[in-house]
Amino acid sequence: MNKLDIADELTTYTNQLNNITELMLTNLNNSDISKSKELDRLYFLINYAKQISNGLYNFSNEITKE
């Protein structure tokens, strides 16, 4: 597997992770969960997934620059 194949795979996973976090956020915003610790944990997980996605995206870009 060459660098471009790896970068493409990372981009695919990044896009999938972004789609999942957007779906989670949409569902969370439409839910009837009251403000609680559980709600805070869900927002934390969504933000964490977005950070991972951004990291994967940046890593993919670095691979293709070399």
N, C-alpha and C. Protein backbone atom coordinates (compact mmCIF):
# COMPACT_ATOMS: atom_id res chain seq x y z
N MET A 1 0.85 -1.17 0.00
CA MET A 1 0.00 0.00 0.00
C MET A 1 0.90 1.23 0.00
N ASN A 2 0.64 2.15 -0.91
CA ASN A 2 1.47 3.36 -0.98
C ASN A 2 0.85 4.49 -0.17
N LYS A 3 1.55 5.62 -0.12
CA LYS A 3 1.12 6.75 0.70
C LYS A 3 -0.26 7.26 0.29
N LEU A 4 -0.51 7.33 -1.00
CA LEU A 4 -1.80 7.85 -1.46
C LEU A 4 -2.94 6.91 -1.07
N ASP A 5 -2.70 5.61 -1.12
CA ASP A 5 -3.72 4.65 -0.69
C ASP A 5 -4.02 4.81 0.79
N ILE A 6 -2.98 4.99 1.58
CA ILE A 6 -3.15 5.19 3.03
C ILE A 6 -3.91 6.48 3.29
N ALA A 7 -3.53 7.54 2.60
CA ALA A 7 -4.21 8.83 2.77
C ALA A 7 -5.68 8.72 2.38
N ASP A 8 -5.98 8.00 1.31
CA ASP A 8 -7.37 7.80 0.89
C ASP A 8 -8.16 7.03 1.94
N GLU A 9 -7.55 6.00 2.52
CA GLU A 9 -8.21 5.23 3.57
C GLU A 9 -8.50 6.12 4.78
N LEU A 10 -7.52 6.92 5.17
CA LEU A 10 -7.71 7.83 6.30
C LEU A 10 -8.82 8.83 6.02
N THR A 11 -8.86 9.34 4.81
CA THR A 11 -9.91 10.28 4.43
C THR A 11 -11.27 9.62 4.49
N THR A 12 -11.37 8.38 4.05
CA THR A 12 -12.64 7.65 4.12
C THR A 12 -13.10 7.49 5.56
N TYR A 13 -12.19 7.09 6.44
CA TYR A 13 -12.54 6.94 7.85
C TYR A 13 -12.90 8.28 8.47
N THR A 14 -12.20 9.33 8.08
CA THR A 14 -12.50 10.67 8.58
C THR A 14 -13.91 11.08 8.19
N ASN A 15 -14.26 10.87 6.94
CA ASN A 15 -15.60 11.22 6.47
C ASN A 15 -16.67 10.41 7.20
N GLN A 16 -16.43 9.14 7.41
CA GLN A 16 -17.39 8.31 8.13
C GLN A 16 -17.55 8.78 9.57
N LEU A 17 -16.45 9.12 10.22
CA LEU A 17 -16.50 9.61 11.59
C LEU A 17 -17.24 10.94 11.66
N ASN A 18 -17.00 11.81 10.70
CA ASN A 18 -17.73 13.08 10.64
C ASN A 18 -19.23 12.85 10.47
N ASN A 19 -19.59 11.92 9.61
CA ASN A 19 -21.00 11.62 9.39
C ASN A 19 -21.66 11.09 10.66
N ILE A 20 -20.94 10.23 11.38
CA ILE A 20 -21.47 9.68 12.62
C ILE A 20 -21.67 10.78 13.66
N THR A 21 -20.69 11.67 13.80
CA THR A 21 -20.82 12.73 14.81
C THR A 21 -21.95 13.68 14.45
N GLU A 22 -22.12 13.97 13.18
CA GLU A 22 -23.23 14.84 12.78
C GLU A 22 -24.58 14.18 13.06
N LEU A 23 -24.67 12.89 12.80
CA LEU A 23 -25.90 12.16 13.08
C LEU A 23 -26.17 12.12 14.58
N MET A 24 -25.12 11.89 15.38
CA MET A 24 -25.28 11.89 16.84
C MET A 24 -25.76 13.25 17.33
N LEU A 25 -25.17 14.31 16.80
CA LEU A 25 -25.53 15.66 17.23
C LEU A 25 -26.96 15.99 16.83
N THR A 26 -27.36 15.61 15.63
CA THR A 26 -28.73 15.83 15.17
C THR A 26 -29.72 15.10 16.06
N ASN A 27 -29.44 13.84 16.34
CA ASN A 27 -30.33 13.06 17.19
C ASN A 27 -30.37 13.61 18.61
N LEU A 28 -29.23 14.05 19.11
CA LEU A 28 -29.18 14.61 20.45
C LEU A 28 -29.99 15.89 20.54
N ASN A 29 -29.86 16.74 19.54
CA ASN A 29 -30.61 18.00 19.53
C ASN A 29 -32.12 17.78 19.41
N ASN A 30 -32.52 16.66 18.81
CA ASN A 30 -33.94 16.36 18.65
C ASN A 30 -34.49 15.47 19.76
N SER A 31 -33.66 15.11 20.71
CA SER A 31 -34.10 14.20 21.77
C SER A 31 -34.77 14.96 22.90
N ASP A 32 -35.39 14.20 23.80
CA ASP A 32 -36.05 14.78 24.96
C ASP A 32 -35.21 14.63 26.23
N ILE A 33 -33.91 14.41 26.07
CA ILE A 33 -33.04 14.26 27.23
C ILE A 33 -32.94 15.61 27.93
N SER A 34 -33.23 15.60 29.20
CA SER A 34 -33.10 16.84 29.97
C SER A 34 -31.62 17.09 30.27
N LYS A 35 -31.32 18.31 30.64
CA LYS A 35 -29.94 18.66 30.97
C LYS A 35 -29.48 17.83 32.17
N SER A 36 -28.49 17.02 31.96
CA SER A 36 -28.00 16.14 33.02
C SER A 36 -26.56 15.78 32.74
N LYS A 37 -25.96 15.01 33.62
CA LYS A 37 -24.59 14.56 33.41
C LYS A 37 -24.49 13.69 32.17
N GLU A 38 -25.52 12.89 31.90
CA GLU A 38 -25.51 12.02 30.72
C GLU A 38 -25.46 12.85 29.44
N LEU A 39 -26.20 13.92 29.41
CA LEU A 39 -26.19 14.82 28.26
C LEU A 39 -24.80 15.42 28.06
N ASP A 40 -24.18 15.84 29.16
CA ASP A 40 -22.82 16.39 29.08
C ASP A 40 -21.83 15.36 28.54
N ARG A 41 -21.99 14.11 28.97
CA ARG A 41 -21.11 13.04 28.47
C ARG A 41 -21.29 12.81 26.98
N LEU A 42 -22.52 12.88 26.51
CA LEU A 42 -22.77 12.70 25.08
C LEU A 42 -22.13 13.82 24.26
N TYR A 43 -22.28 15.05 24.72
CA TYR A 43 -21.63 16.17 24.03
C TYR A 43 -20.11 16.01 24.05
N PHE A 44 -19.56 15.55 25.16
CA PHE A 44 -18.12 15.31 25.24
C PHE A 44 -17.69 14.27 24.20
N LEU A 45 -18.44 13.18 24.08
CA LEU A 45 -18.10 12.13 23.11
C LEU A 45 -18.18 12.64 21.68
N ILE A 46 -19.18 13.46 21.40
CA ILE A 46 -19.31 14.04 20.06
C ILE A 46 -18.10 14.92 19.76
N ASN A 47 -17.74 15.77 20.70
CA ASN A 47 -16.59 16.66 20.49
C ASN A 47 -15.29 15.87 20.36
N TYR A 48 -15.16 14.83 21.15
CA TYR A 48 -13.97 13.98 21.08
C TYR A 48 -13.87 13.30 19.72
N ALA A 49 -14.98 12.80 19.21
CA ALA A 49 -14.99 12.16 17.89
C ALA A 49 -14.62 13.17 16.81
N LYS A 50 -15.08 14.39 16.95
CA LYS A 50 -14.71 15.43 15.98
C LYS A 50 -13.22 15.74 16.03
N GLN A 51 -12.64 15.75 17.23
CA GLN A 51 -11.20 15.98 17.36
C GLN A 51 -10.41 14.85 16.69
N ILE A 52 -10.85 13.62 16.88
CA ILE A 52 -10.19 12.48 16.24
C ILE A 52 -10.29 12.60 14.73
N SER A 53 -11.47 12.97 14.25
CA SER A 53 -11.67 13.14 12.82
C SER A 53 -10.75 14.20 12.25
N ASN A 54 -10.63 15.33 12.94
CA ASN A 54 -9.74 16.39 12.49
C ASN A 54 -8.29 15.93 12.49
N GLY A 55 -7.90 15.17 13.51
CA GLY A 55 -6.55 14.63 13.56
C GLY A 55 -6.26 13.69 12.41
N LEU A 56 -7.21 12.82 12.10
CA LEU A 56 -7.05 11.91 10.96
C LEU A 56 -6.94 12.69 9.65
N TYR A 57 -7.75 13.70 9.50
CA TYR A 57 -7.73 14.52 8.29
C TYR A 57 -6.37 15.20 8.13
N ASN A 58 -5.88 15.80 9.21
CA ASN A 58 -4.58 16.47 9.16
C ASN A 58 -3.45 15.48 8.87
N PHE A 59 -3.52 14.30 9.48
CA PHE A 59 -2.51 13.27 9.24
C PHE A 59 -2.54 12.83 7.78
N SER A 60 -3.73 12.67 7.24
CA SER A 60 -3.87 12.29 5.83
C SER A 60 -3.24 13.34 4.93
N ASN A 61 -3.44 14.60 5.24
CA ASN A 61 -2.84 15.68 4.45
C ASN A 61 -1.32 15.68 4.56
N GLU A 62 -0.80 15.39 5.73
CA GLU A 62 0.64 15.34 5.91
C GLU A 62 1.27 14.21 5.10
N ILE A 63 0.59 13.07 5.03
CA ILE A 63 1.10 11.94 4.26
C ILE A 63 1.22 12.30 2.78
N THR A 64 0.23 12.98 2.26
CA THR A 64 0.25 13.30 0.83
C THR A 64 1.24 14.41 0.49
N LYS A 65 1.66 15.21 1.47
CA LYS A 65 2.63 16.28 1.23
C LYS A 65 4.04 15.74 1.08
N GLU A 66 4.32 14.59 1.67
CA GLU A 66 5.69 14.06 1.65
C GLU A 66 6.06 13.48 0.31
